[in-house]
PDB file of N, CA and C in Angstrom:
ATOM      1  N   UNK A   1     160.136 103.812 137.744  1.00  0.00           N
ATOM      2  CA  UNK A   1     159.720 103.955 138.947  1.00  0.00           C
ATOM      3  C   UNK A   1     160.724 103.395 139.977  1.00  0.00           C
ATOM      4  N   UNK A   2     160.933 104.152 141.083  1.00  0.00           N
ATOM      5  CA  UNK A   2     161.887 103.678 142.167  1.00  0.00           C
ATOM      6  C   UNK A   2     161.317 103.096 143.333  1.00  0.00           C
ATOM      7  N   UNK A   3     161.810 102.275 144.112  1.00  0.00           N
ATOM      8  CA  UNK A   3     161.358 101.752 145.343  1.00  0.00           C
ATOM      9  C   UNK A   3     162.054 102.448 146.477  1.00  0.00           C
ATOM     10  N   UNK A   4     161.655 102.979 147.509  1.00  0.00           N
ATOM     11  CA  UNK A   4     162.268 103.470 148.544  1.00  0.00           C
ATOM     12  C   UNK A   4     161.620 103.319 149.748  1.00  0.00           C
ATOM     13  N   UNK A   5     162.065 103.677 151.016  1.00  0.00           N
ATOM     14  CA  UNK A   5     161.526 103.528 152.283  1.00  0.00           C
ATOM     15  C   UNK A   5     160.659 104.663 152.573  1.00  0.00           C
ATOM     16  N   UNK A   6     159.509 104.476 153.139  1.00  0.00           N
ATOM     17  CA  UNK A   6     158.510 105.538 153.535  1.00  0.00           C
ATOM     18  C   UNK A   6     159.230 106.439 154.680  1.00  0.00           C
ATOM     19  N   UNK A   7     158.958 107.828 154.483  1.00  0.00           N
ATOM     20  CA  UNK A   7     159.406 108.458 155.522  1.00  0.00           C
ATOM     21  C   UNK A   7     158.359 108.663 156.699  1.00  0.00           C
ATOM     22  N   UNK A   8     158.416 109.052 157.838  1.00  0.00           N
ATOM     23  CA  UNK A   8     157.534 109.193 158.866  1.00  0.00           C
ATOM     24  C   UNK A   8     156.319 109.854 158.446  1.00  0.00           C
ATOM     25  N   UNK A   9     155.185 109.397 158.607  1.00  0.00           N
ATOM     26  CA  UNK A   9     153.819 110.002 158.382  1.00  0.00           C
ATOM     27  C   UNK A   9     153.476 109.708 156.781  1.00  0.00           C
ATOM     28  N   UNK A  10     154.278 108.989 156.212  1.00  0.00           N
ATOM     29  CA  UNK A  10     154.015 108.768 154.743  1.00  0.00           C
ATOM     30  C   UNK A  10     153.534 107.173 154.516  1.00  0.00           C
ATOM     31  N   UNK A  11     152.665 107.159 153.704  1.00  0.00           N
ATOM     32  CA  UNK A  11     152.080 105.783 153.261  1.00  0.00           C
ATOM     33  C   UNK A  11     153.110 105.054 152.752  1.00  0.00           C
ATOM     34  N   UNK A  12     153.434 103.661 153.065  1.00  0.00           N
ATOM     35  CA  UNK A  12     154.173 102.802 152.235  1.00  0.00           C
ATOM     36  C   UNK A  12     153.812 102.772 150.913  1.00  0.00           C
ATOM     37  N   UNK A  13     152.521 102.781 150.569  1.00  0.00           N
ATOM     38  CA  UNK A  13     151.950 102.894 149.153  1.00  0.00           C
ATOM     39  C   UNK A  13     152.644 103.908 148.543  1.00  0.00           C
ATOM     40  N   UNK A  14     152.708 105.175 148.985  1.00  0.00           N
ATOM     41  CA  UNK A  14     153.156 106.357 148.350  1.00  0.00           C
ATOM     42  C   UNK A  14     154.620 106.051 147.947  1.00  0.00           C
ATOM     43  N   UNK A  15     155.219 105.686 148.960  1.00  0.00           N
ATOM     44  CA  UNK A  15     156.763 105.432 148.834  1.00  0.00           C
ATOM     45  C   UNK A  15     156.919 104.175 147.780  1.00  0.00           C
ATOM     46  N   UNK A  16     156.094 103.168 147.663  1.00  0.00           N
ATOM     47  CA  UNK A  16     156.375 102.205 146.598  1.00  0.00           C
ATOM     48  C   UNK A  16     156.041 102.757 145.274  1.00  0.00           C
ATOM     49  N   UNK A  17     155.074 103.833 145.221  1.00  0.00           N
ATOM     50  CA  UNK A  17     154.840 104.136 143.940  1.00  0.00           C
ATOM     51  C   UNK A  17     155.538 105.458 143.525  1.00  0.00           C
ATOM     52  N   UNK A  18     156.705 105.748 144.093  1.00  0.00           N
ATOM     53  CA  UNK A  18     157.459 106.933 143.779  1.00  0.00           C
ATOM     54  C   UNK A  18     158.013 106.803 142.404  1.00  0.00           C
ATOM     55  N   UNK A  19     157.646 107.703 141.464  1.00  0.00           N
ATOM     56  CA  UNK A  19     158.092 107.581 140.116  1.00  0.00           C
ATOM     57  C   UNK A  19     159.373 108.068 139.712  1.00  0.00           C
ATOM     58  N   UNK A  20     160.186 108.579 140.690  1.00  0.00           N
ATOM     59  CA  UNK A  20     161.481 109.285 140.498  1.00  0.00           C
ATOM     60  C   UNK A  20     162.454 108.329 141.022  1.00  0.00           C
ATOM     61  N   UNK A  21     163.657 108.444 140.197  1.00  0.00           N
ATOM     62  CA  UNK A  21     164.944 107.776 140.689  1.00  0.00           C
ATOM     63  C   UNK A  21     165.421 108.146 141.812  1.00  0.00           C
ATOM     64  N   UNK A  22     165.974 107.454 142.707  1.00  0.00           N
ATOM     65  CA  UNK A  22     166.594 107.824 144.051  1.00  0.00           C
ATOM     66  C   UNK A  22     167.666 108.902 143.655  1.00  0.00           C
ATOM     67  N   UNK A  23     167.659 109.928 144.497  1.00  0.00           N
ATOM     68  CA  UNK A  23     168.719 110.912 144.464  1.00  0.00           C
ATOM     69  C   UNK A  23     168.537 111.843 143.096  1.00  0.00           C
ATOM     70  N   UNK A  24     167.532 111.716 142.427  1.00  0.00           N
ATOM     71  CA  UNK A  24     167.067 112.751 141.317  1.00  0.00           C
ATOM     72  C   UNK A  24     166.728 113.973 141.914  1.00  0.00           C
ATOM     73  N   UNK A  25     166.801 115.036 141.214  1.00  0.00           N
ATOM     74  CA  UNK A  25     166.174 116.420 141.689  1.00  0.00           C
ATOM     75  C   UNK A  25     164.776 116.314 141.948  1.00  0.00           C
ATOM     76  N   UNK A  26     163.967 115.622 141.156  1.00  0.00           N
ATOM     77  CA  UNK A  26     162.661 115.398 141.566  1.00  0.00           C
ATOM     78  C   UNK A  26     162.304 114.799 142.822  1.00  0.00           C
ATOM     79  N   UNK A  27     162.943 113.652 143.032  1.00  0.00           N
ATOM     80  CA  UNK A  27     162.921 112.829 144.055  1.00  0.00           C
ATOM     81  C   UNK A  27     163.305 113.564 145.541  1.00  0.00           C
ATOM     82  N   UNK A  28     164.378 114.271 145.313  1.00  0.00           N
ATOM     83  CA  UNK A  28     164.758 115.036 146.389  1.00  0.00           C
ATOM     84  C   UNK A  28     163.741 116.148 146.723  1.00  0.00           C
ATOM     85  N   UNK A  29     163.230 116.843 145.777  1.00  0.00           N
ATOM     86  CA  UNK A  29     162.217 117.842 146.171  1.00  0.00           C
ATOM     87  C   UNK A  29     160.963 117.259 146.535  1.00  0.00           C
ATOM     88  N   UNK A  30     160.407 116.126 146.221  1.00  0.00           N
ATOM     89  CA  UNK A  30     159.128 115.608 146.766  1.00  0.00           C
ATOM     90  C   UNK A  30     159.414 114.819 148.101  1.00  0.00           C
ATOM     91  N   UNK A  31     160.637 114.460 148.353  1.00  0.00           N
ATOM     92  CA  UNK A  31     160.972 113.730 149.566  1.00  0.00           C
ATOM     93  C   UNK A  31     160.978 114.887 150.567  1.00  0.00           C
ATOM     94  N   UNK A  32     161.370 116.020 150.331  1.00  0.00           N
ATOM     95  CA  UNK A  32     161.441 117.263 151.239  1.00  0.00           C
ATOM     96  C   UNK A  32     160.058 117.564 151.490  1.00  0.00           C
ATOM     97  N   UNK A  33     159.262 117.660 150.403  1.00  0.00           N
ATOM     98  CA  UNK A  33     157.904 118.138 150.753  1.00  0.00           C
ATOM     99  C   UNK A  33     157.182 117.083 151.508  1.00  0.00           C
ATOM    100  N   UNK A  34     157.338 115.962 151.368  1.00  0.00           N
ATOM    101  CA  UNK A  34     156.688 114.773 152.293  1.00  0.00           C
ATOM    102  C   UNK A  34     157.052 114.833 153.623  1.00  0.00           C
ATOM    103  N   UNK A  35     158.499 115.113 153.768  1.00  0.00           N
ATOM    104  CA  UNK A  35     159.005 115.270 155.065  1.00  0.00           C
ATOM    105  C   UNK A  35     158.240 116.458 155.919  1.00  0.00           C
ATOM    106  N   UNK A  36     158.166 117.725 155.221  1.00  0.00           N
ATOM    107  CA  UNK A  36     157.599 118.943 155.814  1.00  0.00           C
ATOM    108  C   UNK A  36     156.102 118.539 156.131  1.00  0.00           C
ATOM    109  N   UNK A  37     155.464 117.870 155.374  1.00  0.00           N
ATOM    110  CA  UNK A  37     154.086 117.584 155.607  1.00  0.00           C
ATOM    111  C   UNK A  37     153.818 116.930 156.672  1.00  0.00           C
ATOM    112  N   UNK A  38     154.601 115.848 156.710  1.00  0.00           N
ATOM    113  CA  UNK A  38     154.565 114.896 157.909  1.00  0.00           C
ATOM    114  C   UNK A  38     154.812 115.782 159.161  1.00  0.00           C
ATOM    115  N   UNK A  39     155.833 116.504 159.232  1.00  0.00           N
ATOM    116  CA  UNK A  39     156.092 117.338 160.428  1.00  0.00           C
ATOM    117  C   UNK A  39     155.038 118.251 160.677  1.00  0.00           C
ATOM    118  N   UNK A  40     154.392 118.732 159.647  1.00  0.00           N
ATOM    119  CA  UNK A  40     153.394 119.654 159.997  1.00  0.00           C
ATOM    120  C   UNK A  40     151.882 118.795 160.652  1.00  0.00           C
ATOM    121  N   UNK A  41     151.787 117.705 160.117  1.00  0.00           N
ATOM    122  CA  UNK A  41     150.697 116.904 160.652  1.00  0.00           C
ATOM    123  C   UNK A  41     151.099 116.646 162.193  1.00  0.00           C
ATOM    124  N   UNK A  42     152.177 116.335 162.599  1.00  0.00           N
ATOM    125  CA  UNK A  42     152.693 115.965 163.938  1.00  0.00           C
ATOM    126  C   UNK A  42     152.479 117.305 164.748  1.00  0.00           C
ATOM    127  N   UNK A  43     152.936 118.432 164.228  1.00  0.00           N
ATOM    128  CA  UNK A  43     152.912 119.720 164.896  1.00  0.00           C
ATOM    129  C   UNK A  43     151.221 119.893 165.023  1.00  0.00           C
ATOM    130  N   UNK A  44     150.432 119.848 164.108  1.00  0.00           N
ATOM    131  CA  UNK A  44     149.056 120.100 164.219  1.00  0.00           C
ATOM    132  C   UNK A  44     148.554 119.135 165.471  1.00  0.00           C
ATOM    133  N   UNK A  45     148.813 117.865 165.357  1.00  0.00           N
ATOM    134  CA  UNK A  45     148.401 117.041 166.507  1.00  0.00           C
ATOM    135  C   UNK A  45     148.607 117.393 167.903  1.00  0.00           C
ATOM    136  N   UNK A  46     149.970 117.906 168.136  1.00  0.00           N
ATOM    137  CA  UNK A  46     150.470 118.353 169.271  1.00  0.00           C
ATOM    138  C   UNK A  46     149.860 119.761 169.633  1.00  0.00           C
ATOM    139  N   UNK A  47     149.406 120.691 168.792  1.00  0.00           N
ATOM    140  CA  UNK A  47     148.877 121.911 169.022  1.00  0.00           C
ATOM    141  C   UNK A  47     147.525 121.666 169.600  1.00  0.00           C
ATOM    142  N   UNK A  48     146.788 120.643 169.199  1.00  0.00           N
ATOM    143  CA  UNK A  48     145.487 120.382 169.460  1.00  0.00           C
ATOM    144  C   UNK A  48     145.501 119.521 170.787  1.00  0.00           C
ATOM    145  N   UNK A  49     146.453 118.763 171.074  1.00  0.00           N
ATOM    146  CA  UNK A  49     146.392 117.903 172.338  1.00  0.00           C
ATOM    147  C   UNK A  49     147.389 118.377 173.400  1.00  0.00           C
ATOM    148  N   UNK A  50     148.095 119.335 173.229  1.00  0.00           N
ATOM    149  CA  UNK A  50     149.007 119.796 174.443  1.00  0.00           C
ATOM    150  C   UNK A  50     148.295 121.055 175.325  1.00  0.00           C
ATOM    151  N   UNK A  51     148.464 120.631 176.682  1.00  0.00           N
ATOM    152  CA  UNK A  51     148.049 121.799 177.588  1.00  0.00           C
ATOM    153  C   UNK A  51     149.114 122.633 177.886  1.00  0.00           C
ATOM    154  N   UNK A  52     149.220 123.918 177.288  1.00  0.00           N
ATOM    155  CA  UNK A  52     150.392 124.821 177.365  1.00  0.00           C
ATOM    156  C   UNK A  52     149.924 126.210 178.008  1.00  0.00           C
ATOM    157  N   UNK A  53     150.883 126.916 178.461  1.00  0.00           N
ATOM    158  CA  UNK A  53     150.812 128.148 179.169  1.00  0.00           C
ATOM    159  C   UNK A  53     150.456 129.091 178.271  1.00  0.00           C
ATOM    160  N   UNK A  54     149.938 130.235 178.458  1.00  0.00           N
ATOM    161  CA  UNK A  54     149.591 131.313 177.550  1.00  0.00           C
ATOM    162  C   UNK A  54     150.909 131.892 177.018  1.00  0.00           C
ATOM    163  N   UNK A  55     151.921 131.918 177.898  1.00  0.00           N
ATOM    164  CA  UNK A  55     153.187 132.320 177.389  1.00  0.00           C
ATOM    165  C   UNK A  55     153.783 131.458 176.233  1.00  0.00           C
ATOM    166  N   UNK A  56     153.697 130.029 176.386  1.00  0.00           N
ATOM    167  CA  UNK A  56     154.284 129.226 175.384  1.00  0.00           C
ATOM    168  C   UNK A  56     153.332 129.468 173.946  1.00  0.00           C
ATOM    169  N   UNK A  57     152.140 129.423 174.439  1.00  0.00           N
ATOM    170  CA  UNK A  57     151.220 129.716 173.313  1.00  0.00           C
ATOM    171  C   UNK A  57     151.573 130.934 172.440  1.00  0.00           C
ATOM    172  N   UNK A  58     151.835 132.009 173.174  1.00  0.00           N
ATOM    173  CA  UNK A  58     152.359 133.234 172.423  1.00  0.00           C
ATOM    174  C   UNK A  58     153.593 133.065 171.732  1.00  0.00           C
ATOM    175  N   UNK A  59     154.700 132.323 172.430  1.00  0.00           N
ATOM    176  CA  UNK A  59     155.872 132.025 171.773  1.00  0.00           C
ATOM    177  C   UNK A  59     155.721 131.280 170.569  1.00  0.00           C
ATOM    178  N   UNK A  60     155.008 130.320 170.546  1.00  0.00           N
ATOM    179  CA  UNK A  60     154.694 129.296 169.391  1.00  0.00           C
ATOM    180  C   UNK A  60     154.076 130.146 168.352  1.00  0.00           C
ATOM    181  N   UNK A  61     153.072 130.980 168.678  1.00  0.00           N
ATOM    182  CA  UNK A  61     152.310 131.871 167.675  1.00  0.00           C
ATOM    183  C   UNK A  61     153.232 132.545 166.914  1.00  0.00           C
ATOM    184  N   UNK A  62     154.364 133.318 167.432  1.00  0.00           N
ATOM    185  CA  UNK A  62     155.281 134.016 166.833  1.00  0.00           C
ATOM    186  C   UNK A  62     156.126 133.223 166.003  1.00  0.00           C
ATOM    187  N   UNK A  63     156.445 131.841 166.386  1.00  0.00           N
ATOM    188  CA  UNK A  63     157.208 131.128 165.530  1.00  0.00           C
ATOM    189  C   UNK A  63     156.517 130.639 164.275  1.00  0.00           C
ATOM    190  N   UNK A  64     155.347 130.226 164.536  1.00  0.00           N
ATOM    191  CA  UNK A  64     154.425 129.713 163.437  1.00  0.00           C
ATOM    192  C   UNK A  64     154.233 130.934 162.348  1.00  0.00           C
ATOM    193  N   UNK A  65     153.861 132.069 162.868  1.00  0.00           N
ATOM    194  CA  UNK A  65     153.936 133.243 162.021  1.00  0.00           C
ATOM    195  C   UNK A  65     155.136 133.775 161.239  1.00  0.00           C
ATOM    196  N   UNK A  66     156.365 133.254 161.772  1.00  0.00           N
ATOM    197  CA  UNK A  66     157.443 133.507 161.119  1.00  0.00           C
ATOM    198  C   UNK A  66     157.636 132.491 159.819  1.00  0.00           C
ATOM    199  N   UNK A  67     157.341 131.123 160.278  1.00  0.00           N
ATOM    200  CA  UNK A  67     157.316 130.233 159.070  1.00  0.00           C
ATOM    201  C   UNK A  67     156.258 130.448 158.245  1.00  0.00           C
ATOM    202  N   UNK A  68     155.104 130.955 158.539  1.00  0.00           N
ATOM    203  CA  UNK A  68     154.199 131.424 157.512  1.00  0.00           C
ATOM    204  C   UNK A  68     154.614 132.552 156.743  1.00  0.00           C
ATOM    205  N   UNK A  69     155.364 133.304 157.192  1.00  0.00           N
ATOM    206  CA  UNK A  69     156.008 134.558 156.363  1.00  0.00           C
ATOM    207  C   UNK A  69     156.961 133.968 155.431  1.00  0.00           C
ATOM    208  N   UNK A  70     157.822 133.184 155.802  1.00  0.00           N
ATOM    209  CA  UNK A  70     158.779 132.453 154.976  1.00  0.00           C
ATOM    210  C   UNK A  70     158.013 131.796 153.707  1.00  0.00           C
ATOM    211  N   UNK A  71     156.928 130.947 154.017  1.00  0.00           N
ATOM    212  CA  UNK A  71     156.249 130.251 153.102  1.00  0.00           C
ATOM    213  C   UNK A  71     155.661 131.327 152.184  1.00  0.00           C
ATOM    214  N   UNK A  72     155.195 132.297 152.606  1.00  0.00           N
ATOM    215  CA  UNK A  72     154.349 133.455 151.838  1.00  0.00           C
ATOM    216  C   UNK A  72     155.466 133.951 150.924  1.00  0.00           C
ATOM    217  N   UNK A  73     156.580 134.145 151.258  1.00  0.00           N
ATOM    218  CA  UNK A  73     157.577 134.626 150.355  1.00  0.00           C
ATOM    219  C   UNK A  73     157.828 133.814 149.128  1.00  0.00           C
ATOM    220  N   UNK A  74     157.716 132.455 149.344  1.00  0.00           N
ATOM    221  CA  UNK A  74     158.069 131.534 148.252  1.00  0.00           C
ATOM    222  C   UNK A  74     157.014 131.538 147.069  1.00  0.00           C
ATOM    223  N   UNK A  75     157.268 131.077 146.094  1.00  0.00           N
ATOM    224  CA  UNK A  75     156.393 130.969 144.766  1.00  0.00           C
ATOM    225  C   UNK A  75     155.157 130.223 145.388  1.00  0.00           C
ATOM    226  N   UNK A  76     154.131 130.552 144.943  1.00  0.00           N
ATOM    227  CA  UNK A  76     152.566 130.129 145.400  1.00  0.00           C
ATOM    228  C   UNK A  76     152.324 129.494 144.079  1.00  0.00           C
ATOM    229  N   UNK A  77     151.623 128.078 144.342  1.00  0.00           N
ATOM    230  CA  UNK A  77     151.046 127.253 143.412  1.00  0.00           C
ATOM    231  C   UNK A  77     149.553 127.524 143.382  1.00  0.00           C
ATOM    232  N   UNK A  78     148.979 127.543 142.119  1.00  0.00           N
ATOM    233  CA  UNK A  78     147.602 127.729 141.897  1.00  0.00           C
ATOM    234  C   UNK A  78     147.081 126.453 141.383  1.00  0.00           C
ATOM    235  N   UNK A  79     145.803 126.242 141.752  1.00  0.00           N
ATOM    236  CA  UNK A  79     145.184 124.934 140.922  1.00  0.00           C
ATOM    237  C   UNK A  79     143.671 125.090 141.183  1.00  0.00           C
ATOM    238  N   UNK A  80     143.082 123.947 140.803  1.00  0.00           N
ATOM    239  CA  UNK A  80     141.684 123.895 141.069  1.00  0.00           C
ATOM    240  C   UNK A  80     141.122 124.129 142.372  1.00  0.00           C
ATOM    241  N   UNK A  81     141.939 123.931 143.508  1.00  0.00           N
ATOM    242  CA  UNK A  81     141.522 124.144 144.890  1.00  0.00           C
ATOM    243  C   UNK A  81     141.607 125.431 145.374  1.00  0.00           C
ATOM    244  N   UNK A  82     142.253 126.432 144.505  1.00  0.00           N
ATOM    245  CA  UNK A  82     142.225 127.755 144.919  1.00  0.00           C
ATOM    246  C   UNK A  82     141.175 128.507 144.467  1.00  0.00           C
TER     247      UNK A  82
END
């Protein structure tokens, strides 16, 4: 188990319990996923709380749809929640 600093939006407990050695392939993979989910949480908060124009809403919708398309092209994981 390796000790590391928590990324923005991540619990320090999660960081303290990271089972992967720093700079390992697994640690890099999970660190990137944690950063992505933290950014998505901040985005969701801003989507809900921002008073934006219809034009900006349309522009952002297109960008989010492009990201969704990129994610849809990636390998999808199935589990008990699907």
